[in-house]
N, C-alpha and C. Protein backbone atom coordinates (compact mmCIF):
# COMPACT_ATOMS: atom_id res chain seq x y z
N MET A 1 60.84 -31.27 17.40
CA MET A 1 60.70 -30.42 16.61
C MET A 1 58.98 -29.70 16.55
N ARG A 2 58.70 -28.49 16.34
CA ARG A 2 57.48 -28.03 16.52
C ARG A 2 57.34 -26.99 15.09
N CYS A 3 56.21 -26.84 14.73
CA CYS A 3 55.79 -25.97 13.71
C CYS A 3 54.40 -25.17 13.81
N GLU A 4 54.63 -23.87 13.78
CA GLU A 4 53.41 -23.33 13.62
C GLU A 4 53.47 -22.72 12.50
N PHE A 5 51.86 -22.83 11.79
CA PHE A 5 51.29 -22.12 10.62
C PHE A 5 50.34 -21.00 11.03
N ASP A 6 49.94 -20.34 9.70
CA ASP A 6 49.57 -19.05 9.82
C ASP A 6 47.78 -19.36 10.21
N ASP A 7 47.42 -20.39 9.95
CA ASP A 7 46.04 -21.17 9.90
C ASP A 7 45.55 -21.26 11.42
N GLY A 8 46.72 -21.17 12.56
CA GLY A 8 46.68 -21.71 13.54
C GLY A 8 47.01 -23.25 13.94
N LEU A 9 47.48 -24.08 13.16
CA LEU A 9 47.92 -25.38 13.20
C LEU A 9 49.19 -25.08 13.94
N ARG A 10 49.27 -25.66 15.13
CA ARG A 10 50.48 -26.47 15.62
C ARG A 10 50.63 -27.83 15.72
N VAL A 11 52.08 -28.18 15.41
CA VAL A 11 52.42 -29.33 15.12
C VAL A 11 53.87 -29.77 15.92
N SER A 12 53.99 -30.57 16.83
CA SER A 12 55.15 -30.72 17.38
C SER A 12 55.32 -32.54 17.68
N TYR A 13 56.61 -32.76 17.32
CA TYR A 13 57.08 -34.37 17.47
C TYR A 13 58.34 -34.34 18.30
N ALA A 14 58.33 -35.06 19.36
CA ALA A 14 59.41 -35.30 20.00
C ALA A 14 59.55 -36.28 20.74
N GLY A 15 59.23 -37.40 19.96
CA GLY A 15 58.65 -38.78 20.56
C GLY A 15 57.23 -39.04 20.76
N ARG A 16 56.52 -38.04 21.28
CA ARG A 16 54.94 -37.95 21.00
C ARG A 16 54.88 -36.73 20.09
N LEU A 17 53.67 -37.02 19.44
CA LEU A 17 52.89 -36.46 18.34
C LEU A 17 51.82 -35.70 19.11
N ARG A 18 51.69 -34.19 18.73
CA ARG A 18 51.12 -33.27 19.10
C ARG A 18 50.54 -32.45 18.15
N ILE A 19 49.27 -32.73 18.05
CA ILE A 19 48.81 -31.60 16.92
C ILE A 19 47.73 -30.88 17.37
N HIS A 20 47.26 -29.25 17.29
CA HIS A 20 46.39 -28.45 17.82
C HIS A 20 46.41 -27.44 16.78
N LYS A 21 44.73 -27.18 17.05
CA LYS A 21 44.18 -26.06 16.27
C LYS A 21 43.08 -25.47 16.81
N GLU A 22 43.39 -24.31 17.49
CA GLU A 22 42.32 -23.57 18.43
C GLU A 22 41.24 -24.77 18.99
N ASN A 23 40.26 -24.75 18.90
CA ASN A 23 39.29 -25.68 19.47
C ASN A 23 38.71 -26.41 18.46
N GLU A 24 39.13 -26.84 17.58
CA GLU A 24 39.38 -28.18 16.20
C GLU A 24 39.82 -29.03 16.70
N ILE A 25 41.15 -29.23 16.92
CA ILE A 25 42.03 -30.39 16.54
C ILE A 25 42.59 -30.29 18.00
N ASN A 26 42.77 -31.48 18.67
CA ASN A 26 43.69 -31.86 19.83
C ASN A 26 43.62 -33.23 19.59
N VAL A 27 44.85 -33.43 19.46
CA VAL A 27 45.25 -34.96 19.37
C VAL A 27 46.79 -35.39 19.62
N TYR A 28 47.06 -35.89 20.61
CA TYR A 28 48.23 -36.25 21.17
C TYR A 28 48.27 -37.78 21.51
N LEU A 29 49.40 -38.21 20.41
CA LEU A 29 49.93 -39.78 20.68
C LEU A 29 51.00 -39.79 20.82
N ASP A 30 51.49 -40.81 21.91
CA ASP A 30 52.45 -41.50 22.41
C ASP A 30 53.33 -42.35 21.19
N PRO A 31 54.53 -42.68 21.30
CA PRO A 31 55.17 -42.81 20.09
C PRO A 31 54.37 -44.62 19.48
N GLU A 32 53.84 -45.21 20.68
CA GLU A 32 53.80 -46.75 20.43
C GLU A 32 52.17 -46.44 19.95
N GLU A 33 51.27 -45.26 19.91
CA GLU A 33 50.19 -45.52 19.06
C GLU A 33 50.61 -44.99 17.77
N ILE A 34 51.80 -44.44 17.33
CA ILE A 34 51.78 -44.09 16.08
C ILE A 34 51.91 -44.97 15.14
N PRO A 35 51.13 -45.48 13.76
CA PRO A 35 51.83 -46.24 13.06
C PRO A 35 52.94 -46.09 12.25
N GLU A 36 53.94 -47.31 11.96
CA GLU A 36 54.90 -47.19 11.63
C GLU A 36 55.20 -46.75 10.60
N THR A 37 54.27 -46.77 9.73
CA THR A 37 54.46 -45.83 8.49
C THR A 37 54.39 -44.07 8.55
N ILE A 38 53.87 -43.58 9.54
CA ILE A 38 54.19 -42.48 10.22
C ILE A 38 55.31 -41.96 11.04
N GLN A 39 55.75 -42.89 11.34
CA GLN A 39 56.99 -43.11 12.30
C GLN A 39 58.21 -42.59 11.74
N GLY A 40 58.12 -43.41 10.29
CA GLY A 40 59.23 -43.07 9.62
C GLY A 40 59.14 -41.58 8.50
N ARG A 41 58.03 -41.31 8.32
CA ARG A 41 57.82 -40.20 7.37
C ARG A 41 58.10 -38.93 8.77
N LEU A 42 57.59 -39.25 10.01
CA LEU A 42 57.88 -38.00 11.21
C LEU A 42 59.52 -38.00 11.19
N HIS A 43 60.30 -38.88 11.58
CA HIS A 43 61.88 -39.02 11.60
C HIS A 43 62.35 -38.49 10.39
N ASP A 44 61.93 -38.50 9.26
CA ASP A 44 62.56 -37.87 7.99
C ASP A 44 62.12 -36.37 8.16
N ALA A 45 60.94 -36.00 8.08
CA ALA A 45 60.49 -34.60 8.51
C ALA A 45 61.56 -33.63 9.68
N VAL A 46 61.86 -34.54 10.93
CA VAL A 46 62.77 -34.12 11.66
C VAL A 46 63.98 -33.76 11.23
N VAL A 47 64.25 -34.93 10.77
CA VAL A 47 65.84 -34.95 9.92
C VAL A 47 65.90 -33.52 8.70
N HIS A 48 64.88 -33.78 8.13
CA HIS A 48 65.14 -32.45 7.06
C HIS A 48 64.52 -31.21 7.64
N ASP A 49 64.10 -31.51 8.67
CA ASP A 49 63.51 -29.83 9.16
C ASP A 49 62.75 -29.37 8.46
N ASP A 50 61.57 -30.29 8.01
CA ASP A 50 60.61 -29.89 6.80
C ASP A 50 59.17 -29.60 7.66
N CYS A 51 58.58 -28.27 7.84
CA CYS A 51 57.24 -28.17 8.50
C CYS A 51 56.30 -28.50 7.60
N GLY A 52 56.39 -28.51 6.30
CA GLY A 52 55.26 -28.57 5.03
C GLY A 52 55.00 -30.15 5.02
N ASP A 53 56.40 -31.17 5.51
CA ASP A 53 55.67 -32.68 5.44
C ASP A 53 54.73 -32.54 6.72
N LEU A 54 55.47 -32.31 7.90
CA LEU A 54 54.86 -32.40 9.04
C LEU A 54 53.35 -31.97 8.89
N ARG A 55 52.93 -30.67 8.55
CA ARG A 55 51.90 -30.48 8.32
C ARG A 55 50.93 -31.51 7.37
N SER A 56 51.60 -32.15 6.72
CA SER A 56 50.73 -32.96 5.67
C SER A 56 50.49 -34.44 6.35
N ILE A 57 51.56 -35.06 7.34
CA ILE A 57 51.38 -35.69 8.52
C ILE A 57 50.48 -35.53 9.01
N ALA A 58 50.40 -34.33 9.75
CA ALA A 58 49.28 -33.99 10.89
C ALA A 58 47.96 -34.24 10.37
N HIS A 59 47.37 -34.02 8.68
CA HIS A 59 46.04 -33.75 8.66
C HIS A 59 46.19 -35.38 7.87
N GLU A 60 47.13 -36.10 8.04
CA GLU A 60 46.70 -37.94 7.94
C GLU A 60 46.30 -38.25 8.67
N VAL A 61 46.80 -37.82 9.97
CA VAL A 61 46.59 -38.53 11.33
C VAL A 61 45.37 -38.08 12.02
N THR A 62 45.16 -36.74 12.00
CA THR A 62 43.69 -36.53 12.27
C THR A 62 42.71 -37.62 11.22
N ASP A 63 42.97 -37.76 10.11
CA ASP A 63 42.18 -38.26 9.19
C ASP A 63 41.86 -39.67 9.54
N MET A 64 42.98 -40.29 10.00
CA MET A 64 43.22 -41.62 10.52
C MET A 64 42.45 -41.82 12.02
N PHE A 65 42.86 -40.90 12.69
CA PHE A 65 42.72 -40.87 14.19
C PHE A 65 41.19 -40.09 14.83
N GLY A 66 40.86 -39.20 13.83
CA GLY A 66 39.99 -38.12 14.31
C GLY A 66 40.47 -36.71 14.97
N THR A 67 39.88 -35.94 15.72
CA THR A 67 40.11 -34.80 15.80
C THR A 67 40.43 -34.28 17.25
N ASN A 68 40.12 -35.41 18.02
CA ASN A 68 40.29 -35.05 19.42
C ASN A 68 40.35 -36.38 20.53
N LEU A 69 41.75 -36.60 20.39
CA LEU A 69 42.23 -37.42 21.39
C LEU A 69 43.01 -36.90 22.56
N PRO A 70 42.57 -36.47 23.57
CA PRO A 70 43.27 -35.84 24.70
C PRO A 70 44.16 -36.55 25.05
N GLU A 71 45.32 -35.60 25.75
CA GLU A 71 46.41 -36.04 26.37
C GLU A 71 46.16 -37.09 27.79
N GLN A 72 46.51 -38.01 27.87
CA GLN A 72 46.40 -39.05 28.94
C GLN A 72 47.49 -39.03 30.15
């Protein structure tokens, strides 16, 4: 699932979670790095095709992990 927002935030989830916003946010998490509580919410967002929830999750993840976790 991929969602793009008017403020430039892009969030995609297909096993890996990727969050990007211009030069401000670059987060890439492999499935094993995503906390279980977040995994469940990601699954629900995908099942319900809910970009609003995906945006909320992206904010929570960046608060938790920071805004710059480059892809490895």
